[in-house]
Protein backbone atom coordinates (compact mmCIF):
# COMPACT_ATOMS: atom_id res chain seq x y z
CA UNK A 1 90.94 -63.87 42.59
CA UNK A 2 88.30 -65.88 44.68
CA UNK A 3 84.78 -64.99 45.00
CA UNK A 4 85.17 -64.52 48.77
CA UNK A 5 88.06 -62.21 48.32
CA UNK A 6 86.31 -60.10 45.93
CA UNK A 7 83.19 -60.04 48.16
CA UNK A 8 85.36 -58.74 51.11
CA UNK A 9 86.88 -56.04 48.86
CA UNK A 10 83.50 -55.05 47.61
CA UNK A 11 81.60 -54.61 50.92
CA UNK A 12 84.69 -53.37 52.99
CA UNK A 13 86.05 -50.99 50.70
CA UNK A 14 84.29 -50.70 47.13
CA UNK A 15 80.64 -50.10 48.36
CA UNK A 16 81.53 -47.59 50.98
CA UNK A 17 83.69 -45.59 48.54
CA UNK A 18 80.70 -45.58 46.05
CA UNK A 19 78.45 -44.34 48.93
CA UNK A 20 80.62 -41.59 49.67
CA UNK A 21 81.19 -40.52 46.12
CA UNK A 22 77.50 -40.39 45.46
CA UNK A 23 76.90 -38.25 48.59
CA UNK A 24 79.49 -35.94 47.10
CA UNK A 25 77.25 -35.68 43.98
CA UNK A 26 78.48 -38.27 41.51
CA UNK A 27 75.91 -40.06 39.78
CA UNK A 28 75.92 -43.73 39.86
CA UNK A 29 76.00 -45.90 36.50
CA UNK A 30 75.87 -49.46 36.94
CA UNK A 31 78.20 -51.84 35.05
CA UNK A 32 75.08 -52.89 32.74
CA UNK A 33 74.13 -49.42 32.11
CA UNK A 34 77.54 -48.22 31.15
CA UNK A 35 77.73 -50.81 28.20
CA UNK A 36 74.91 -48.92 26.53
CA UNK A 37 77.16 -45.88 26.74
CA UNK A 38 80.13 -47.49 24.91
CA UNK A 39 80.22 -48.86 21.32
CA UNK A 40 82.85 -51.58 22.71
CA UNK A 41 84.88 -52.67 25.66
CA UNK A 42 87.66 -50.76 24.01
CA UNK A 43 86.22 -47.55 24.06
CA UNK A 44 86.38 -45.36 27.54
CA UNK A 45 84.90 -42.14 26.85
CA UNK A 46 81.16 -42.09 27.64
CA UNK A 47 80.50 -40.17 24.18
CA UNK A 48 76.78 -39.72 24.71
CA UNK A 49 77.36 -37.98 28.15
CA UNK A 50 80.31 -35.96 26.29
CA UNK A 51 78.34 -35.01 23.30
CA UNK A 52 75.43 -33.88 25.34
CA UNK A 53 77.59 -31.71 27.73
CA UNK A 54 79.74 -30.19 24.91
CA UNK A 55 76.33 -28.96 23.19
CA UNK A 56 74.98 -27.91 26.45
CA UNK A 57 77.90 -25.71 27.84
CA UNK A 58 79.21 -24.39 24.57
CA UNK A 59 78.01 -21.63 22.38
CA UNK A 60 79.42 -18.69 20.45
CA UNK A 61 78.60 -14.95 19.93
CA UNK A 62 78.47 -13.18 16.56
CA UNK A 63 77.30 -9.72 15.80
CA UNK A 64 75.28 -9.76 19.07
CA UNK A 65 73.42 -13.17 18.21
CA UNK A 66 74.13 -16.42 20.21
CA UNK A 67 74.59 -19.52 18.23
CA UNK A 68 75.07 -23.29 18.98
CA UNK A 69 78.19 -25.22 17.46
CA UNK A 70 77.35 -27.39 14.36
CA UNK A 71 77.11 -31.16 14.65
CA UNK A 72 80.30 -31.30 12.79
CA UNK A 73 82.44 -29.25 15.49
CA UNK A 74 81.00 -31.26 18.15
CA UNK A 75 81.76 -34.55 16.76
CA UNK A 76 85.21 -33.32 15.71
CA UNK A 77 85.98 -31.99 19.26
CA UNK A 78 85.04 -35.49 20.55
CA UNK A 79 87.53 -37.21 17.86
CA UNK A 80 90.14 -34.83 18.93
CA UNK A 81 90.04 -35.30 22.51
CA UNK A 82 90.80 -39.18 21.99
CA UNK A 83 94.49 -38.87 21.06
CA UNK A 84 96.33 -42.00 19.69
CA UNK A 85 99.03 -43.23 21.92
CA UNK A 86 101.56 -43.04 19.29
CA UNK A 87 103.81 -40.69 21.45
CA UNK A 88 103.54 -42.70 24.53
CA UNK A 89 101.35 -42.65 27.65
CA UNK A 90 102.69 -39.67 29.29
CA UNK A 91 102.99 -37.39 26.20
CA UNK A 92 99.46 -38.46 25.00
CA UNK A 93 98.16 -37.70 28.37
CA UNK A 94 99.83 -34.01 28.18
CA UNK A 95 98.16 -33.44 25.09
CA UNK A 96 94.80 -34.61 26.35
CA UNK A 97 95.48 -32.52 29.45
CA UNK A 98 96.05 -29.21 27.25
CA UNK A 99 92.90 -29.83 25.61
CA UNK A 100 90.67 -30.44 28.52
CA UNK A 101 92.26 -27.25 30.16
CA UNK A 102 92.13 -24.83 27.24
CA UNK A 103 89.52 -26.33 24.68
CA UNK A 104 90.07 -26.46 21.10
CA UNK A 105 89.17 -23.92 18.36
CA UNK A 106 86.78 -25.02 15.47
CA UNK A 107 85.85 -23.05 12.37
CA UNK A 108 82.01 -22.28 12.06
CA UNK A 109 80.21 -21.10 9.09
CA UNK A 110 78.07 -17.60 9.87
CA UNK A 111 74.93 -16.42 8.61
CA UNK A 112 76.34 -13.82 6.42
CA UNK A 113 78.50 -16.44 4.66
CA UNK A 114 81.87 -15.58 6.33
CA UNK A 115 83.64 -18.32 8.53
CA UNK A 116 85.36 -17.83 11.92
CA UNK A 117 87.02 -19.82 14.85
CA UNK A 118 85.42 -20.30 18.25
CA UNK A 119 86.42 -22.39 21.18
CA UNK A 120 84.85 -25.24 22.43
CA UNK A 121 85.45 -26.29 26.09
CA UNK A 122 85.16 -29.62 27.47
CA UNK A 123 85.06 -28.59 31.28
CA UNK A 124 83.36 -25.55 33.00
CA UNK A 125 86.33 -24.80 35.10
CA UNK A 126 84.55 -21.72 36.90
CA UNK A 127 80.98 -23.06 37.53
CA UNK A 128 81.68 -26.46 38.68
CA UNK A 129 77.97 -27.41 39.16
CA UNK A 130 77.78 -27.10 35.20
CA UNK A 131 79.51 -30.31 34.92
CA UNK A 132 78.34 -33.90 35.44
CA UNK A 133 80.30 -36.15 37.58
CA UNK A 134 79.70 -40.17 37.27
CA UNK A 135 80.92 -43.10 39.36
CA UNK A 136 81.18 -46.37 37.51
CA UNK A 137 82.25 -49.77 39.28
CA UNK A 138 83.92 -52.73 37.64
CA UNK A 139 84.64 -50.66 34.42
CA UNK A 140 85.75 -53.63 32.17
CA UNK A 141 87.99 -52.53 29.37
CA UNK A 142 89.71 -54.46 26.53
CA UNK A 143 93.22 -54.98 26.91
CA UNK A 144 95.33 -53.42 24.23
CA UNK A 145 97.04 -56.69 23.34
CA UNK A 146 93.79 -58.39 23.07
CA UNK A 147 94.41 -60.80 25.53
CA UNK A 148 91.28 -60.43 27.94
CA UNK A 149 90.21 -57.57 29.84
CA UNK A 150 91.08 -55.34 32.98
CA UNK A 151 88.41 -54.08 35.47
CA UNK A 152 89.33 -51.15 37.78
CA UNK A 153 87.22 -51.35 40.74
CA UNK A 154 85.88 -47.48 40.39
CA UNK A 155 86.28 -45.11 37.52
CA UNK A 156 85.25 -41.31 37.88
CA UNK A 157 84.23 -39.28 34.88
CA UNK A 158 83.60 -35.55 34.58
CA UNK A 159 81.44 -34.97 31.47
CA UNK A 160 81.93 -38.49 30.27
CA UNK A 161 85.67 -38.10 30.42
CA UNK A 162 87.65 -40.58 32.84
CA UNK A 163 89.32 -38.40 35.35
CA UNK A 164 90.38 -41.01 38.31
CA UNK A 165 90.60 -44.46 38.88
CA UNK A 166 90.45 -46.07 42.30
CA UNK A 167 91.65 -49.57 43.33
CA UNK A 168 89.80 -50.90 46.53
CA UNK A 169 91.39 -53.59 48.87
CA UNK A 170 90.09 -55.18 52.02
CA UNK A 171 91.93 -54.05 55.21
CA UNK A 172 94.00 -57.18 55.65
CA UNK A 173 95.66 -56.39 52.14
CA UNK A 174 98.40 -53.93 51.84
CA UNK A 175 97.61 -51.14 49.44
CA UNK A 176 100.79 -51.75 47.64
CA UNK A 177 99.06 -54.55 45.81
CA UNK A 178 96.57 -51.90 44.40
CA UNK A 179 99.56 -49.65 43.54
CA UNK A 180 101.15 -52.38 41.87
CA UNK A 181 97.94 -53.36 39.89
CA UNK A 182 97.37 -49.79 39.00
CA UNK A 183 100.94 -49.31 37.48
CA UNK A 184 100.50 -52.77 35.74
CA UNK A 185 97.21 -51.51 34.04
CA UNK A 186 98.95 -48.61 32.75
CA UNK A 187 101.46 -50.68 30.77
CA UNK A 188 101.47 -50.91 26.98
CA UNK A 189 99.71 -54.24 26.80
CA UNK A 190 97.01 -53.33 29.39
CA UNK A 191 94.66 -50.17 29.33
CA UNK A 192 96.86 -47.26 28.50
CA UNK A 193 93.87 -46.02 26.46
CA UNK A 194 92.03 -45.45 29.93
CA UNK A 195 94.92 -43.67 31.56
CA UNK A 196 95.94 -41.41 28.91
CA UNK A 197 92.77 -39.31 30.20
CA UNK A 198 93.30 -40.03 33.94
CA UNK A 199 94.33 -37.26 36.42
CA UNK A 200 94.47 -38.83 39.72
CA UNK A 201 94.93 -42.63 40.91
CA UNK A 202 94.20 -43.94 44.33
CA UNK A 203 95.00 -47.26 45.83
CA UNK A 204 92.80 -47.68 49.19
CA UNK A 205 91.60 -50.06 51.98
CA UNK A 206 89.63 -48.62 54.79
CA UNK A 207 92.54 -47.87 56.87
CA UNK A 208 95.16 -46.75 54.36
CA UNK A 209 95.23 -44.58 51.24
CA UNK A 210 97.96 -43.40 48.73
CA UNK A 211 97.35 -41.17 45.61
CA UNK A 212 99.26 -40.37 42.35
CA UNK A 213 98.89 -39.49 38.71
CA UNK A 214 99.48 -40.97 35.57
CA UNK A 215 102.58 -43.22 35.31
CA UNK A 216 103.89 -42.30 38.89
CA UNK A 217 106.34 -44.76 39.95
CA UNK A 218 105.54 -46.56 43.22
CA UNK A 219 107.92 -45.07 45.32
CA UNK A 220 106.26 -41.54 44.65
CA UNK A 221 102.64 -42.28 45.62
CA UNK A 222 101.73 -40.12 48.54
CA UNK A 223 99.63 -40.01 51.35
CA UNK A 224 97.17 -37.03 51.95
CA UNK A 225 96.52 -35.50 55.26
CA UNK A 226 93.75 -33.02 55.19
CA UNK A 227 94.59 -29.61 56.90
CA UNK A 228 91.02 -27.82 56.35
CA UNK A 229 89.40 -29.96 59.29
CA UNK A 230 86.09 -27.99 59.34
CA UNK A 231 85.53 -28.51 55.73
CA UNK A 232 86.41 -32.21 55.83
CA UNK A 233 84.10 -32.64 58.94
CA UNK A 234 81.31 -30.71 57.35
CA UNK A 235 81.70 -33.27 54.25
CA UNK A 236 81.94 -36.26 56.63
CA UNK A 237 78.56 -35.60 58.02
CA UNK A 238 77.07 -35.20 54.61
CA UNK A 239 78.39 -38.31 53.15
CA UNK A 240 78.98 -40.97 55.83
CA UNK A 241 75.88 -42.24 57.51
CA UNK A 242 75.25 -44.89 60.40
CA UNK A 243 79.03 -45.85 60.73
CA UNK A 244 82.39 -44.69 62.00
CA UNK A 245 84.46 -42.55 59.39
CA UNK A 246 87.30 -44.30 57.88
CA UNK A 247 90.81 -43.20 56.31
CA UNK A 248 89.31 -43.95 53.11
CA UNK A 249 86.41 -41.94 53.63
CA UNK A 250 88.41 -38.67 54.48
CA UNK A 251 90.69 -39.21 51.58
CA UNK A 252 88.05 -39.72 49.00
CA UNK A 253 86.36 -36.55 50.09
CA UNK A 254 89.81 -34.61 50.17
CA UNK A 255 90.80 -35.63 46.57
CA UNK A 256 87.44 -36.54 44.89
CA UNK A 257 85.17 -33.83 45.99
CA UNK A 258 84.12 -32.46 42.67
CA UNK A 259 85.76 -28.84 43.48
CA UNK A 260 88.96 -30.47 44.65
CA UNK A 261 89.14 -32.88 41.66
CA UNK A 262 88.92 -29.95 39.20
CA UNK A 263 91.30 -27.74 41.28
CA UNK A 264 93.77 -30.26 41.60
CA UNK A 265 93.69 -30.96 37.86
CA UNK A 266 93.94 -27.39 36.98
CA UNK A 267 96.21 -25.82 39.24
CA UNK A 268 98.28 -28.56 41.18
CA UNK A 269 99.14 -30.84 38.25
CA UNK A 270 102.04 -30.38 36.01
CA UNK A 271 104.46 -32.05 33.56
CA UNK A 272 108.06 -31.61 34.54
CA UNK A 273 109.86 -32.48 31.40
CA UNK A 274 108.21 -35.90 30.41
CA UNK A 275 106.97 -36.78 33.89
CA UNK A 276 103.69 -35.89 35.39
CA UNK A 277 103.40 -34.80 38.83
CA UNK A 278 100.48 -34.03 41.28
CA UNK A 279 100.89 -31.94 44.56
CA UNK A 280 101.69 -33.43 47.57
CA UNK A 281 99.24 -32.37 50.53
CA UNK A 282 101.88 -29.87 52.07
CA UNK A 283 102.28 -27.97 48.46
CA UNK A 284 98.60 -27.86 48.22
CA UNK A 285 97.88 -26.38 51.31
CA UNK A 286 101.17 -24.10 51.32
CA UNK A 287 99.82 -22.49 48.12
CA UNK A 288 96.36 -22.15 49.38
CA UNK A 289 97.64 -20.22 52.49
CA UNK A 290 99.76 -17.86 50.18
CA UNK A 291 96.77 -17.29 48.10
CA UNK A 292 94.69 -16.32 51.12
CA UNK A 293 97.59 -14.18 52.42
CA UNK A 294 98.25 -12.16 49.17
CA UNK A 295 94.60 -11.43 48.86
CA UNK A 296 94.51 -9.68 52.26
CA UNK A 297 95.62 -5.89 52.00
CA UNK A 298 96.42 -3.20 54.40
CA UNK A 299 94.87 0.42 54.74
CA UNK A 300 97.15 1.42 51.88
CA UNK A 301 96.16 -1.29 49.65
CA UNK A 302 99.43 -3.19 49.76
CA UNK A 303 99.25 -7.11 49.76
CA UNK A 304 100.64 -8.93 52.71
CA UNK A 305 103.77 -11.20 52.66
CA UNK A 306 104.67 -14.49 54.48
CA UNK A 307 107.12 -17.21 54.92
CA UNK A 308 106.85 -20.74 53.89
CA UNK A 309 109.11 -23.51 55.35
CA UNK A 310 110.75 -26.00 53.52
CA UNK A 311 113.15 -28.71 54.03
CA UNK A 312 115.83 -29.38 51.37
CA UNK A 313 114.32 -31.90 48.69
CA UNK A 314 110.79 -30.90 49.55
CA UNK A 315 109.69 -29.71 46.22
CA UNK A 316 110.28 -25.71 46.38
CA UNK A 317 110.82 -25.28 42.61
CA UNK A 318 107.56 -27.08 41.89
CA UNK A 319 105.63 -25.24 44.70
CA UNK A 320 106.70 -21.88 43.02
CA UNK A 321 105.79 -23.45 39.38
CA UNK A 322 102.30 -24.11 40.96
CA UNK A 323 101.90 -20.98 42.70
CA UNK A 324 102.91 -19.10 39.73
CA UNK A 325 100.23 -20.81 37.61
CA UNK A 326 97.71 -19.99 40.20
CA UNK A 327 98.50 -16.32 40.43
CA UNK A 328 98.67 -15.91 36.59
CA UNK A 329 95.33 -17.63 36.14
CA UNK A 330 93.28 -16.42 39.13
CA UNK A 331 94.50 -12.85 39.57
CA UNK A 332 94.76 -12.21 35.66
CA UNK A 333 92.49 -9.17 35.97
CA UNK A 334 95.50 -7.51 37.81
CA UNK A 335 98.10 -8.15 34.93
CA UNK A 336 100.17 -9.86 37.74
CA UNK A 337 103.97 -10.58 37.40
CA UNK A 338 105.98 -13.24 39.36
CA UNK A 339 109.55 -12.80 40.04
CA UNK A 340 111.61 -15.74 41.32
CA UNK A 341 114.91 -14.48 43.05
CA UNK A 342 117.72 -16.74 44.10
CA UNK A 343 121.23 -16.41 45.38
CA UNK A 344 123.24 -18.90 43.28
CA UNK A 345 123.73 -19.27 39.64
CA UNK A 346 123.01 -22.88 39.46
CA UNK A 347 119.80 -22.46 41.36
CA UNK A 348 118.69 -19.57 39.28
CA UNK A 349 119.29 -21.97 36.01
CA UNK A 350 117.56 -24.98 37.84
CA UNK A 351 114.39 -22.71 38.69
CA UNK A 352 114.36 -21.47 35.03
CA UNK A 353 114.67 -25.07 33.64
CA UNK A 354 111.78 -26.34 35.83
CA UNK A 355 109.39 -23.58 34.56
CA UNK A 356 110.57 -24.28 31.03
CA UNK A 357 109.97 -28.13 31.59
CA UNK A 358 106.50 -27.47 32.91
CA UNK A 359 105.63 -25.35 29.83
CA UNK A 360 105.51 -21.91 31.54
CA UNK A 361 107.48 -19.33 29.60
CA UNK A 362 109.93 -17.67 32.19
CA UNK A 363 112.28 -15.07 31.11
CA UNK A 364 115.70 -15.13 32.84
CA UNK A 365 117.35 -11.86 33.67
CA UNK A 366 121.24 -11.86 32.39
CA UNK A 367 121.79 -8.53 33.95
CA UNK A 368 120.67 -5.77 36.21
CA UNK A 369 119.98 -3.79 33.01
CA UNK A 370 117.90 -6.77 31.64
CA UNK A 371 116.01 -7.19 34.77
CA UNK A 372 114.98 -3.60 34.44
CA UNK A 373 113.67 -4.01 30.98
CA UNK A 374 111.87 -7.37 32.04
CA UNK A 375 110.06 -5.57 34.72
CA UNK A 376 108.69 -3.04 32.33
CA UNK A 377 107.90 -5.51 29.68
CA UNK A 378 104.25 -6.28 29.98
CA UNK A 379 104.92 -9.65 27.92
CA UNK A 380 107.27 -11.21 30.75
CA UNK A 381 104.83 -12.86 33.05
CA UNK A 382 107.43 -14.85 35.03
CA UNK A 383 111.03 -13.61 35.69
CA UNK A 384 114.11 -15.39 37.31
CA UNK A 385 116.77 -13.48 38.69
CA UNK A 386 119.82 -13.55 40.99
CA UNK A 387 119.66 -11.35 43.95
CA UNK A 388 122.63 -9.21 43.29
CA UNK A 389 120.90 -8.16 39.98
CA UNK A 390 118.48 -5.81 42.05
CA UNK A 391 121.35 -3.60 43.13
CA UNK A 392 122.02 -2.69 39.64
CA UNK A 393 118.31 -2.69 38.88
CA UNK A 394 117.64 -0.14 41.83
CA UNK A 395 120.13 2.36 40.68
CA UNK A 396 118.67 2.51 36.95
CA UNK A 397 114.91 1.99 37.93
CA UNK A 398 112.49 4.19 40.11
CA UNK A 399 110.63 2.20 42.51
CA UNK A 400 107.91 0.18 41.01
CA UNK A 401 104.50 0.89 42.93
CA UNK A 402 102.66 -1.83 41.47
CA UNK A 403 100.99 -4.09 44.01
CA UNK A 404 100.46 -7.01 41.63
CA UNK A 405 104.31 -7.86 41.14
CA UNK A 406 104.73 -11.03 43.53
CA UNK A 407 108.46 -11.71 44.62
CA UNK A 408 109.02 -15.30 45.45
CA UNK A 409 112.74 -15.87 47.21
């Protein structure tokens, strides 16, 4: 790449992107400074940052006293996060995703001589401000085959863990080039040791942007259209100074605002068999609207219902999976249950399979009597059923008056 071309990309796309990210709360680390946080160019975790955050965010209580985790547990938690690529990029990415999402348990030796396991969390999902967000440009990484390095334009870190990668292009170059570059860099000879941690990827020039997740084929990269315009305009006012806002500015805010990045990672990313998927903007905003609706109650305390319009092939099943995850996680204090109802055997099988592939345990009602048993079973969080089974169920079961059973049809 010529110096002039790189100069254009840097000043037209990369520097404005970093400006917006810094104004969103990301701390800037220069390419020179980042070397001091890595033991080699092969290492992609910022281990000093991660170690500091693990110590700061985690403690455990025993017999009314609060203790800090041992140095041994903290060091082991860092080692455990850095999964080997033995099972390929997507499987490794999934294992790391589960660790980031749920934390890991470590045995601590207690003052009374006993020992007990406690969980170390890598991210504070509830209190976003307790995490630290960094932006690094020109992040140079040694290739897996040892033949030189790759240098993504921008890498975003949360608590020292690489969460997102952005490729910047000048306006005259199609973002397709950035997409192809990103896909190439995930190949086994290039930098899978970076992308095994990554949740979101973006290719951008100032007028056009597409995003995806780990190992997404080119044809499935998506555009994002922000539907919460008031929120977006507020952040544009905060982040874009003395120039007109571009599509790139808007999309960086929409996808990489710290709250959004963690929300999309936690609720709107899933593994469908061995394919990692991230929500399209339509799915994201549909689920947000559903949550808003079901949180409203009438004078009798009943939740509100609603309709979401889908066309064929628009991802209804995955929307249901993401919604079920959101409900079970965010409304857990109500002990919610999700019932997915279809009218065809094949569709019921397919929906049940989709839940299983995304590692959510769904129970399939095999008869009306079985449906009654599942509704009464406190361990069945997600139930799939054919609609006619409700006829049998209604004759065997008194009306269930819980306001926390959610029916998706």
